[in-house]
Amino acid sequence: MMALALPGAMGWNAALAESTVHTVVIEGMKFSPDVLEVQVGDTVIWRNKDIVPHNVTAANHAFHSPTISPEGSWKYTARKKGEYDYLCTLHPTMKAKLILR
C-alpha cells in the first residue's frame, strides 16, 4: 500500500518543482519587462521600485492587484493560457503584456 501512495506524492512534488517565479519591476513609470511569457502554474511578482503607488490590472479583468505601495509587491499565479494586456489604472499610459503558455 505504501508503494502505491508514493508515486502520486512524487508526481505532486515534481509539479511543484517545475513552476517558476518571475519578477516584473515597476520603475520609472514602466513595467519591465513589458512582455513576459510564462507557463501556467508559474508565479509572477510585481515589485514597485517607483516613488508612487501603482496597480496591475488585466484589460479583460482576468486579474487585478490592490494598490502596490512604493517598495511593495504583489504576486499572481498564472492559471489560464492566453495573452493578457495589462496596465496600471492609476497611470493608464503604463502598459505591458503577460503571455501564458
PDB file of N, CA and C in Angstrom:
ATOM      1  N   MET A   1       0.813  -1.199   0.000  1.00  0.00           N
ATOM      2  CA  MET A   1       0.000   0.000   0.000  1.00  0.00           C
ATOM      3  C   MET A   1       0.854   1.260   0.000  1.00  0.00           C
ATOM      4  N   MET A   2       1.903   1.268   0.775  1.00  0.00           N
ATOM      5  CA  MET A   2       2.755   2.449   0.845  1.00  0.00           C
ATOM      6  C   MET A   2       3.370   2.764  -0.514  1.00  0.00           C
ATOM      7  N   ALA A   3       3.758   1.771  -1.268  1.00  0.00           N
ATOM      8  CA  ALA A   3       4.363   1.986  -2.585  1.00  0.00           C
ATOM      9  C   ALA A   3       3.369   2.630  -3.541  1.00  0.00           C
ATOM     10  N   LEU A   4       2.075   2.336  -3.385  1.00  0.00           N
ATOM     11  CA  LEU A   4       1.070   2.940  -4.247  1.00  0.00           C
ATOM     12  C   LEU A   4       0.916   4.433  -3.959  1.00  0.00           C
ATOM     13  N   ALA A   5       1.101   4.844  -2.731  1.00  0.00           N
ATOM     14  CA  ALA A   5       0.931   6.248  -2.376  1.00  0.00           C
ATOM     15  C   ALA A   5       2.121   7.099  -2.824  1.00  0.00           C
ATOM     16  N   LEU A   6       3.296   6.538  -2.854  1.00  0.00           N
ATOM     17  CA  LEU A   6       4.490   7.316  -3.168  1.00  0.00           C
ATOM     18  C   LEU A   6       4.529   7.883  -4.583  1.00  0.00           C
ATOM     19  N   PRO A   7       4.160   7.129  -5.627  1.00  0.00           N
ATOM     20  CA  PRO A   7       4.238   7.730  -6.963  1.00  0.00           C
ATOM     21  C   PRO A   7       3.380   8.982  -7.104  1.00  0.00           C
ATOM     22  N   GLY A   8       2.193   8.983  -6.538  1.00  0.00           N
ATOM     23  CA  GLY A   8       1.348  10.174  -6.609  1.00  0.00           C
ATOM     24  C   GLY A   8       1.978  11.350  -5.890  1.00  0.00           C
ATOM     25  N   ALA A   9       2.534  11.083  -4.735  1.00  0.00           N
ATOM     26  CA  ALA A   9       3.180  12.149  -3.970  1.00  0.00           C
ATOM     27  C   ALA A   9       4.396  12.673  -4.712  1.00  0.00           C
ATOM     28  N   MET A  10       5.144  11.797  -5.333  1.00  0.00           N
ATOM     29  CA  MET A  10       6.329  12.223  -6.066  1.00  0.00           C
ATOM     30  C   MET A  10       5.935  13.072  -7.273  1.00  0.00           C
ATOM     31  N   GLY A  11       4.854  12.703  -7.944  1.00  0.00           N
ATOM     32  CA  GLY A  11       4.386  13.487  -9.078  1.00  0.00           C
ATOM     33  C   GLY A  11       3.958  14.879  -8.654  1.00  0.00           C
ATOM     34  N   TRP A  12       3.333  14.982  -7.488  1.00  0.00           N
ATOM     35  CA  TRP A  12       2.907  16.274  -6.970  1.00  0.00           C
ATOM     36  C   TRP A  12       4.120  17.142  -6.677  1.00  0.00           C
ATOM     37  N   ASN A  13       5.139  16.573  -6.055  1.00  0.00           N
ATOM     38  CA  ASN A  13       6.358  17.330  -5.757  1.00  0.00           C
ATOM     39  C   ASN A  13       7.074  17.738  -7.033  1.00  0.00           C
ATOM     40  N   ALA A  14       7.098  16.868  -8.031  1.00  0.00           N
ATOM     41  CA  ALA A  14       7.755  17.198  -9.297  1.00  0.00           C
ATOM     42  C   ALA A  14       7.051  18.374  -9.965  1.00  0.00           C
ATOM     43  N   ALA A  15       5.717  18.410  -9.897  1.00  0.00           N
ATOM     44  CA  ALA A  15       4.976  19.519 -10.497  1.00  0.00           C
ATOM     45  C   ALA A  15       5.310  20.830  -9.793  1.00  0.00           C
ATOM     46  N   LEU A  16       5.441  20.785  -8.459  1.00  0.00           N
ATOM     47  CA  LEU A  16       5.802  21.995  -7.728  1.00  0.00           C
ATOM     48  C   LEU A  16       7.193  22.474  -8.104  1.00  0.00           C
ATOM     49  N   ALA A  17       8.105  21.542  -8.273  1.00  0.00           N
ATOM     50  CA  ALA A  17       9.488  21.898  -8.579  1.00  0.00           C
ATOM     51  C   ALA A  17       9.612  22.537  -9.962  1.00  0.00           C
ATOM     52  N   GLU A  18       8.684  22.231 -10.869  1.00  0.00           N
ATOM     53  CA  GLU A  18       8.763  22.747 -12.229  1.00  0.00           C
ATOM     54  C   GLU A  18       8.230  24.170 -12.363  1.00  0.00           C
ATOM     55  N   SER A  19       7.450  24.653 -11.395  1.00  0.00           N
ATOM     56  CA  SER A  19       6.936  26.013 -11.514  1.00  0.00           C
ATOM     57  C   SER A  19       8.065  27.008 -11.259  1.00  0.00           C
ATOM     58  N   THR A  20       7.945  28.166 -11.885  1.00  0.00           N
ATOM     59  CA  THR A  20       8.994  29.177 -11.839  1.00  0.00           C
ATOM     60  C   THR A  20       8.417  30.481 -11.315  1.00  0.00           C
ATOM     61  N   VAL A  21       9.234  31.246 -10.624  1.00  0.00           N
ATOM     62  CA  VAL A  21       8.842  32.577 -10.162  1.00  0.00           C
ATOM     63  C   VAL A  21       9.514  33.606 -11.069  1.00  0.00           C
ATOM     64  N   HIS A  22       8.715  34.524 -11.601  1.00  0.00           N
ATOM     65  CA  HIS A  22       9.196  35.589 -12.486  1.00  0.00           C
ATOM     66  C   HIS A  22       8.965  36.923 -11.788  1.00  0.00           C
ATOM     67  N   THR A  23       9.796  37.897 -12.070  1.00  0.00           N
ATOM     68  CA  THR A  23       9.649  39.220 -11.458  1.00  0.00           C
ATOM     69  C   THR A  23       9.497  40.290 -12.531  1.00  0.00           C
ATOM     70  N   VAL A  24       8.511  41.144 -12.327  1.00  0.00           N
ATOM     71  CA  VAL A  24       8.336  42.343 -13.145  1.00  0.00           C
ATOM     72  C   VAL A  24       8.626  43.524 -12.224  1.00  0.00           C
ATOM     73  N   VAL A  25       9.555  44.367 -12.618  1.00  0.00           N
ATOM     74  CA  VAL A  25       9.907  45.544 -11.829  1.00  0.00           C
ATOM     75  C   VAL A  25       9.123  46.741 -12.353  1.00  0.00           C
ATOM     76  N   ILE A  26       8.526  47.472 -11.437  1.00  0.00           N
ATOM     77  CA  ILE A  26       7.828  48.712 -11.773  1.00  0.00           C
ATOM     78  C   ILE A  26       8.754  49.848 -11.350  1.00  0.00           C
ATOM     79  N   GLU A  27       9.262  50.566 -12.346  1.00  0.00           N
ATOM     80  CA  GLU A  27      10.213  51.638 -12.056  1.00  0.00           C
ATOM     81  C   GLU A  27      10.227  52.625 -13.215  1.00  0.00           C
ATOM     82  N   GLY A  28      10.329  53.905 -12.897  1.00  0.00           N
ATOM     83  CA  GLY A  28      10.350  54.917 -13.949  1.00  0.00           C
ATOM     84  C   GLY A  28       9.050  54.961 -14.729  1.00  0.00           C
ATOM     85  N   MET A  29       7.937  54.642 -14.040  1.00  0.00           N
ATOM     86  CA  MET A  29       6.606  54.632 -14.659  1.00  0.00           C
ATOM     87  C   MET A  29       6.515  53.622 -15.803  1.00  0.00           C
ATOM     88  N   LYS A  30       7.222  52.483 -15.649  1.00  0.00           N
ATOM     89  CA  LYS A  30       7.200  51.412 -16.655  1.00  0.00           C
ATOM     90  C   LYS A  30       7.207  50.052 -15.971  1.00  0.00           C
ATOM     91  N   PHE A  31       6.653  49.065 -16.676  1.00  0.00           N
ATOM     92  CA  PHE A  31       6.771  47.663 -16.283  1.00  0.00           C
ATOM     93  C   PHE A  31       7.958  47.077 -17.039  1.00  0.00           C
ATOM     94  N   SER A  32       8.830  46.377 -16.344  1.00  0.00           N
ATOM     95  CA  SER A  32       9.989  45.774 -17.005  1.00  0.00           C
ATOM     96  C   SER A  32      10.182  44.336 -16.524  1.00  0.00           C
ATOM     97  N   PRO A  33      10.088  43.378 -17.459  1.00  0.00           N
ATOM     98  CA  PRO A  33       9.921  43.535 -18.898  1.00  0.00           C
ATOM     99  C   PRO A  33       8.484  43.941 -19.238  1.00  0.00           C
ATOM    100  N   ASP A  34       8.320  44.524 -20.408  1.00  0.00           N
ATOM    101  CA  ASP A  34       6.972  44.931 -20.817  1.00  0.00           C
ATOM    102  C   ASP A  34       6.209  43.797 -21.491  1.00  0.00           C
ATOM    103  N   VAL A  35       6.895  42.721 -21.845  1.00  0.00           N
ATOM    104  CA  VAL A  35       6.258  41.485 -22.316  1.00  0.00           C
ATOM    105  C   VAL A  35       6.931  40.341 -21.575  1.00  0.00           C
ATOM    106  N   LEU A  36       6.125  39.521 -20.905  1.00  0.00           N
ATOM    107  CA  LEU A  36       6.650  38.388 -20.151  1.00  0.00           C
ATOM    108  C   LEU A  36       5.878  37.140 -20.539  1.00  0.00           C
ATOM    109  N   GLU A  37       6.598  36.089 -20.899  1.00  0.00           N
ATOM    110  CA  GLU A  37       5.982  34.808 -21.252  1.00  0.00           C
ATOM    111  C   GLU A  37       6.273  33.810 -20.140  1.00  0.00           C
ATOM    112  N   VAL A  38       5.208  33.191 -19.607  1.00  0.00           N
ATOM    113  CA  VAL A  38       5.331  32.235 -18.510  1.00  0.00           C
ATOM    114  C   VAL A  38       4.496  30.998 -18.814  1.00  0.00           C
ATOM    115  N   GLN A  39       4.673  29.981 -18.011  1.00  0.00           N
ATOM    116  CA  GLN A  39       3.885  28.758 -18.118  1.00  0.00           C
ATOM    117  C   GLN A  39       2.745  28.811 -17.102  1.00  0.00           C
ATOM    118  N   VAL A  40       1.629  28.164 -17.416  1.00  0.00           N
ATOM    119  CA  VAL A  40       0.540  28.038 -16.455  1.00  0.00           C
ATOM    120  C   VAL A  40       1.111  27.373 -15.205  1.00  0.00           C
ATOM    121  N   GLY A  41       0.803  27.918 -14.053  1.00  0.00           N
ATOM    122  CA  GLY A  41       1.329  27.422 -12.786  1.00  0.00           C
ATOM    123  C   GLY A  41       2.502  28.233 -12.265  1.00  0.00           C
ATOM    124  N   ASP A  42       3.119  29.035 -13.137  1.00  0.00           N
ATOM    125  CA  ASP A  42       4.207  29.910 -12.700  1.00  0.00           C
ATOM    126  C   ASP A  42       3.629  31.074 -11.885  1.00  0.00           C
ATOM    127  N   THR A  43       4.480  31.694 -11.096  1.00  0.00           N
ATOM    128  CA  THR A  43       4.093  32.854 -10.300  1.00  0.00           C
ATOM    129  C   THR A  43       4.830  34.082 -10.820  1.00  0.00           C
ATOM    130  N   VAL A  44       4.097  35.175 -10.928  1.00  0.00           N
ATOM    131  CA  VAL A  44       4.692  36.454 -11.326  1.00  0.00           C
ATOM    132  C   VAL A  44       4.594  37.391 -10.127  1.00  0.00           C
ATOM    133  N   ILE A  45       5.716  38.019  -9.786  1.00  0.00           N
ATOM    134  CA  ILE A  45       5.748  39.002  -8.707  1.00  0.00           C
ATOM    135  C   ILE A  45       6.047  40.368  -9.319  1.00  0.00           C
ATOM    136  N   TRP A  46       5.171  41.326  -9.068  1.00  0.00           N
ATOM    137  CA  TRP A  46       5.406  42.707  -9.480  1.00  0.00           C
ATOM    138  C   TRP A  46       5.984  43.435  -8.279  1.00  0.00           C
ATOM    139  N   ARG A  47       7.163  44.045  -8.442  1.00  0.00           N
ATOM    140  CA  ARG A  47       7.838  44.791  -7.369  1.00  0.00           C
ATOM    141  C   ARG A  47       7.860  46.274  -7.744  1.00  0.00           C
ATOM    142  N   ASN A  48       7.271  47.082  -6.882  1.00  0.00           N
ATOM    143  CA  ASN A  48       7.191  48.520  -7.142  1.00  0.00           C
ATOM    144  C   ASN A  48       8.440  49.219  -6.605  1.00  0.00           C
ATOM    145  N   LYS A  49       9.313  49.623  -7.503  1.00  0.00           N
ATOM    146  CA  LYS A  49      10.533  50.359  -7.153  1.00  0.00           C
ATOM    147  C   LYS A  49      10.375  51.850  -7.433  1.00  0.00           C
ATOM    148  N   ASP A  50       9.154  52.265  -7.768  1.00  0.00           N
ATOM    149  CA  ASP A  50       8.874  53.671  -8.032  1.00  0.00           C
ATOM    150  C   ASP A  50       8.597  54.399  -6.715  1.00  0.00           C
ATOM    151  N   ILE A  51       8.502  55.725  -6.788  1.00  0.00           N
ATOM    152  CA  ILE A  51       8.219  56.514  -5.587  1.00  0.00           C
ATOM    153  C   ILE A  51       6.722  56.772  -5.410  1.00  0.00           C
ATOM    154  N   VAL A  52       5.916  56.267  -6.336  1.00  0.00           N
ATOM    155  CA  VAL A  52       4.460  56.425  -6.270  1.00  0.00           C
ATOM    156  C   VAL A  52       3.800  55.046  -6.321  1.00  0.00           C
ATOM    157  N   PRO A  53       2.571  54.926  -5.812  1.00  0.00           N
ATOM    158  CA  PRO A  53       1.871  53.646  -5.877  1.00  0.00           C
ATOM    159  C   PRO A  53       1.410  53.314  -7.293  1.00  0.00           C
ATOM    160  N   HIS A  54       1.242  52.026  -7.539  1.00  0.00           N
ATOM    161  CA  HIS A  54       0.759  51.518  -8.822  1.00  0.00           C
ATOM    162  C   HIS A  54      -0.166  50.331  -8.560  1.00  0.00           C
ATOM    163  N   ASN A  55      -0.803  49.847  -9.628  1.00  0.00           N
ATOM    164  CA  ASN A  55      -1.518  48.577  -9.569  1.00  0.00           C
ATOM    165  C   ASN A  55      -1.306  47.839 -10.882  1.00  0.00           C
ATOM    166  N   VAL A  56      -1.820  46.627 -10.933  1.00  0.00           N
ATOM    167  CA  VAL A  56      -1.680  45.763 -12.110  1.00  0.00           C
ATOM    168  C   VAL A  56      -3.076  45.246 -12.435  1.00  0.00           C
ATOM    169  N   THR A  57      -3.610  45.642 -13.595  1.00  0.00           N
ATOM    170  CA  THR A  57      -4.975  45.267 -13.956  1.00  0.00           C
ATOM    171  C   THR A  57      -5.022  44.764 -15.392  1.00  0.00           C
ATOM    172  N   ALA A  58      -5.499  43.540 -15.567  1.00  0.00           N
ATOM    173  CA  ALA A  58      -5.661  42.988 -16.913  1.00  0.00           C
ATOM    174  C   ALA A  58      -6.787  43.726 -17.624  1.00  0.00           C
ATOM    175  N   ALA A  59      -6.587  43.998 -18.904  1.00  0.00           N
ATOM    176  CA  ALA A  59      -7.599  44.707 -19.691  1.00  0.00           C
ATOM    177  C   ALA A  59      -8.929  43.956 -19.697  1.00  0.00           C
ATOM    178  N   ASN A  60      -8.863  42.613 -19.658  1.00  0.00           N
ATOM    179  CA  ASN A  60     -10.093  41.809 -19.656  1.00  0.00           C
ATOM    180  C   ASN A  60     -10.548  41.465 -18.236  1.00  0.00           C
ATOM    181  N   HIS A  61      -9.919  42.057 -17.237  1.00  0.00           N
ATOM    182  CA  HIS A  61     -10.246  41.884 -15.818  1.00  0.00           C
ATOM    183  C   HIS A  61      -9.949  40.481 -15.292  1.00  0.00           C
ATOM    184  N   ALA A  62      -9.070  39.735 -15.960  1.00  0.00           N
ATOM    185  CA  ALA A  62      -8.696  38.390 -15.503  1.00  0.00           C
ATOM    186  C   ALA A  62      -7.936  38.449 -14.181  1.00  0.00           C
ATOM    187  N   PHE A  63      -7.226  39.538 -13.945  1.00  0.00           N
ATOM    188  CA  PHE A  63      -6.550  39.739 -12.660  1.00  0.00           C
ATOM    189  C   PHE A  63      -6.480  41.229 -12.364  1.00  0.00           C
ATOM    190  N   HIS A  64      -6.428  41.547 -11.079  1.00  0.00           N
ATOM    191  CA  HIS A  64      -6.347  42.940 -10.637  1.00  0.00           C
ATOM    192  C   HIS A  64      -5.695  42.961  -9.265  1.00  0.00           C
ATOM    193  N   SER A  65      -4.638  43.706  -9.143  1.00  0.00           N
ATOM    194  CA  SER A  65      -3.962  43.811  -7.852  1.00  0.00           C
ATOM    195  C   SER A  65      -4.588  44.930  -7.027  1.00  0.00           C
ATOM    196  N   PRO A  66      -4.376  44.873  -5.724  1.00  0.00           N
ATOM    197  CA  PRO A  66      -4.654  46.079  -4.941  1.00  0.00           C
ATOM    198  C   PRO A  66      -3.570  47.110  -5.267  1.00  0.00           C
ATOM    199  N   THR A  67      -3.671  48.285  -4.728  1.00  0.00           N
ATOM    200  CA  THR A  67      -2.626  49.290  -4.918  1.00  0.00           C
ATOM    201  C   THR A  67      -1.329  48.777  -4.302  1.00  0.00           C
ATOM    202  N   ILE A  68      -0.251  48.861  -5.077  1.00  0.00           N
ATOM    203  CA  ILE A  68       1.066  48.406  -4.623  1.00  0.00           C
ATOM    204  C   ILE A  68       1.857  49.644  -4.209  1.00  0.00           C
ATOM    205  N   SER A  69       2.125  49.770  -2.935  1.00  0.00           N
ATOM    206  CA  SER A  69       2.870  50.917  -2.410  1.00  0.00           C
ATOM    207  C   SER A  69       4.318  50.883  -2.876  1.00  0.00           C
ATOM    208  N   PRO A  70       5.005  52.027  -2.847  1.00  0.00           N
ATOM    209  CA  PRO A  70       6.437  52.019  -3.145  1.00  0.00           C
ATOM    210  C   PRO A  70       7.158  50.996  -2.257  1.00  0.00           C
ATOM    211  N   GLU A  71       8.039  50.236  -2.857  1.00  0.00           N
ATOM    212  CA  GLU A  71       8.783  49.138  -2.223  1.00  0.00           C
ATOM    213  C   GLU A  71       7.905  47.932  -1.890  1.00  0.00           C
ATOM    214  N   GLY A  72       6.639  47.963  -2.298  1.00  0.00           N
ATOM    215  CA  GLY A  72       5.745  46.837  -2.084  1.00  0.00           C
ATOM    216  C   GLY A  72       5.759  45.892  -3.273  1.00  0.00           C
ATOM    217  N   SER A  73       5.012  44.802  -3.145  1.00  0.00           N
ATOM    218  CA  SER A  73       4.932  43.824  -4.231  1.00  0.00           C
ATOM    219  C   SER A  73       3.565  43.149  -4.211  1.00  0.00           C
ATOM    220  N   TRP A  74       3.272  42.475  -5.318  1.00  0.00           N
ATOM    221  CA  TRP A  74       2.048  41.688  -5.454  1.00  0.00           C
ATOM    222  C   TRP A  74       2.372  40.490  -6.316  1.00  0.00           C
ATOM    223  N   LYS A  75       1.817  39.323  -5.944  1.00  0.00           N
ATOM    224  CA  LYS A  75       2.090  38.132  -6.746  1.00  0.00           C
ATOM    225  C   LYS A  75       0.806  37.530  -7.282  1.00  0.00           C
ATOM    226  N   TYR A  76       0.961  36.897  -8.436  1.00  0.00           N
ATOM    227  CA  TYR A  76      -0.154  36.281  -9.156  1.00  0.00           C
ATOM    228  C   TYR A  76       0.333  34.956  -9.715  1.00  0.00           C
ATOM    229  N   THR A  77      -0.448  33.907  -9.498  1.00  0.00           N
ATOM    230  CA  THR A  77      -0.117  32.603 -10.066  1.00  0.00           C
ATOM    231  C   THR A  77      -0.954  32.402 -11.319  1.00  0.00           C
ATOM    232  N   ALA A  78      -0.271  32.194 -12.436  1.00  0.00           N
ATOM    233  CA  ALA A  78      -0.907  32.058 -13.744  1.00  0.00           C
ATOM    234  C   ALA A  78      -1.750  30.787 -13.792  1.00  0.00           C
ATOM    235  N   ARG A  79      -3.013  30.898 -14.187  1.00  0.00           N
ATOM    236  CA  ARG A  79      -3.925  29.751 -14.180  1.00  0.00           C
ATOM    237  C   ARG A  79      -4.479  29.367 -15.546  1.00  0.00           C
ATOM    238  N   LYS A  80      -4.597  30.325 -16.468  1.00  0.00           N
ATOM    239  CA  LYS A  80      -5.277  30.040 -17.735  1.00  0.00           C
ATOM    240  C   LYS A  80      -4.460  30.568 -18.906  1.00  0.00           C
ATOM    241  N   LYS A  81      -4.229  29.696 -19.904  1.00  0.00           N
ATOM    242  CA  LYS A  81      -3.459  30.094 -21.089  1.00  0.00           C
ATOM    243  C   LYS A  81      -4.111  31.276 -21.788  1.00  0.00           C
ATOM    244  N   GLY A  82      -3.272  32.107 -22.377  1.00  0.00           N
ATOM    245  CA  GLY A  82      -3.772  33.245 -23.133  1.00  0.00           C
ATOM    246  C   GLY A  82      -2.787  34.397 -23.100  1.00  0.00           C
ATOM    247  N   GLU A  83      -3.163  35.468 -23.770  1.00  0.00           N
ATOM    248  CA  GLU A  83      -2.368  36.689 -23.776  1.00  0.00           C
ATOM    249  C   GLU A  83      -3.175  37.761 -23.059  1.00  0.00           C
ATOM    250  N   TYR A  84      -2.550  38.382 -22.075  1.00  0.00           N
ATOM    251  CA  TYR A  84      -3.227  39.341 -21.220  1.00  0.00           C
ATOM    252  C   TYR A  84      -2.514  40.689 -21.269  1.00  0.00           C
ATOM    253  N   ASP A  85      -3.137  41.653 -21.938  1.00  0.00           N
ATOM    254  CA  ASP A  85      -2.643  43.024 -21.870  1.00  0.00           C
ATOM    255  C   ASP A  85      -3.030  43.549 -20.495  1.00  0.00           C
ATOM    256  N   TYR A  86      -2.119  44.270 -19.856  1.00  0.00           N
ATOM    257  CA  TYR A  86      -2.448  44.850 -18.562  1.00  0.00           C
ATOM    258  C   TYR A  86      -1.874  46.254 -18.453  1.00  0.00           C
ATOM    259  N   LEU A  87      -2.359  46.984 -17.455  1.00  0.00           N
ATOM    260  CA  LEU A  87      -1.938  48.358 -17.256  1.00  0.00           C
ATOM    261  C   LEU A  87      -2.045  48.715 -15.785  1.00  0.00           C
ATOM    262  N   CYS A  88      -1.533  49.866 -15.450  1.00  0.00           N
ATOM    263  CA  CYS A  88      -1.744  50.472 -14.139  1.00  0.00           C
ATOM    264  C   CYS A  88      -2.921  51.427 -14.310  1.00  0.00           C
ATOM    265  N   THR A  89      -4.022  51.176 -13.623  1.00  0.00           N
ATOM    266  CA  THR A  89      -5.188  52.051 -13.798  1.00  0.00           C
ATOM    267  C   THR A  89      -4.973  53.424 -13.167  1.00  0.00           C
ATOM    268  N   LEU A  90      -3.977  53.545 -12.288  1.00  0.00           N
ATOM    269  CA  LEU A  90      -3.644  54.847 -11.707  1.00  0.00           C
ATOM    270  C   LEU A  90      -2.857  55.708 -12.693  1.00  0.00           C
ATOM    271  N   HIS A  91      -2.152  55.032 -13.612  1.00  0.00           N
ATOM    272  CA  HIS A  91      -1.319  55.694 -14.630  1.00  0.00           C
ATOM    273  C   HIS A  91      -1.518  54.930 -15.947  1.00  0.00           C
ATOM    274  N   PRO A  92      -2.631  55.156 -16.644  1.00  0.00           N
ATOM    275  CA  PRO A  92      -3.031  54.327 -17.791  1.00  0.00           C
ATOM    276  C   PRO A  92      -2.060  54.267 -18.968  1.00  0.00           C
ATOM    277  N   THR A  93      -1.053  55.127 -18.993  1.00  0.00           N
ATOM    278  CA  THR A  93      -0.059  55.014 -20.069  1.00  0.00           C
ATOM    279  C   THR A  93       0.934  53.886 -19.792  1.00  0.00           C
ATOM    280  N   MET A  94       0.922  53.349 -18.581  1.00  0.00           N
ATOM    281  CA  MET A  94       1.802  52.225 -18.225  1.00  0.00           C
ATOM    282  C   MET A  94       1.124  50.931 -18.669  1.00  0.00           C
ATOM    283  N   LYS A  95       1.656  50.304 -19.708  1.00  0.00           N
ATOM    284  CA  LYS A  95       1.042  49.103 -20.275  1.00  0.00           C
ATOM    285  C   LYS A  95       2.088  48.021 -20.481  1.00  0.00           C
ATOM    286  N   ALA A  96       1.634  46.764 -20.414  1.00  0.00           N
ATOM    287  CA  ALA A  96       2.519  45.622 -20.642  1.00  0.00           C
ATOM    288  C   ALA A  96       1.661  44.421 -21.031  1.00  0.00           C
ATOM    289  N   LYS A  97       2.321  43.276 -21.228  1.00  0.00           N
ATOM    290  CA  LYS A  97       1.603  42.065 -21.644  1.00  0.00           C
ATOM    291  C   LYS A  97       2.168  40.859 -20.908  1.00  0.00           C
ATOM    292  N   LEU A  98       1.254  39.992 -20.455  1.00  0.00           N
ATOM    293  CA  LEU A  98       1.603  38.712 -19.843  1.00  0.00           C
ATOM    294  C   LEU A  98       1.080  37.617 -20.759  1.00  0.00           C
ATOM    295  N   ILE A  99       1.969  36.726 -21.207  1.00  0.00           N
ATOM    296  CA  ILE A  99       1.595  35.622 -22.096  1.00  0.00           C
ATOM    297  C   ILE A  99       1.724  34.329 -21.307  1.00  0.00           C
ATOM    298  N   LEU A 100       0.626  33.569 -21.231  1.00  0.00           N
ATOM    299  CA  LEU A 100       0.613  32.294 -20.521  1.00  0.00           C
ATOM    300  C   LEU A 100       0.557  31.165 -21.526  1.00  0.00           C
ATOM    301  N   ARG A 101       1.543  30.289 -21.483  1.00  0.00           N
ATOM    302  CA  ARG A 101       1.620  29.135 -22.386  1.00  0.00           C
ATOM    303  C   ARG A 101       1.245  27.867 -21.666  1.00  0.00           C
TER     304      ARG A 101
END
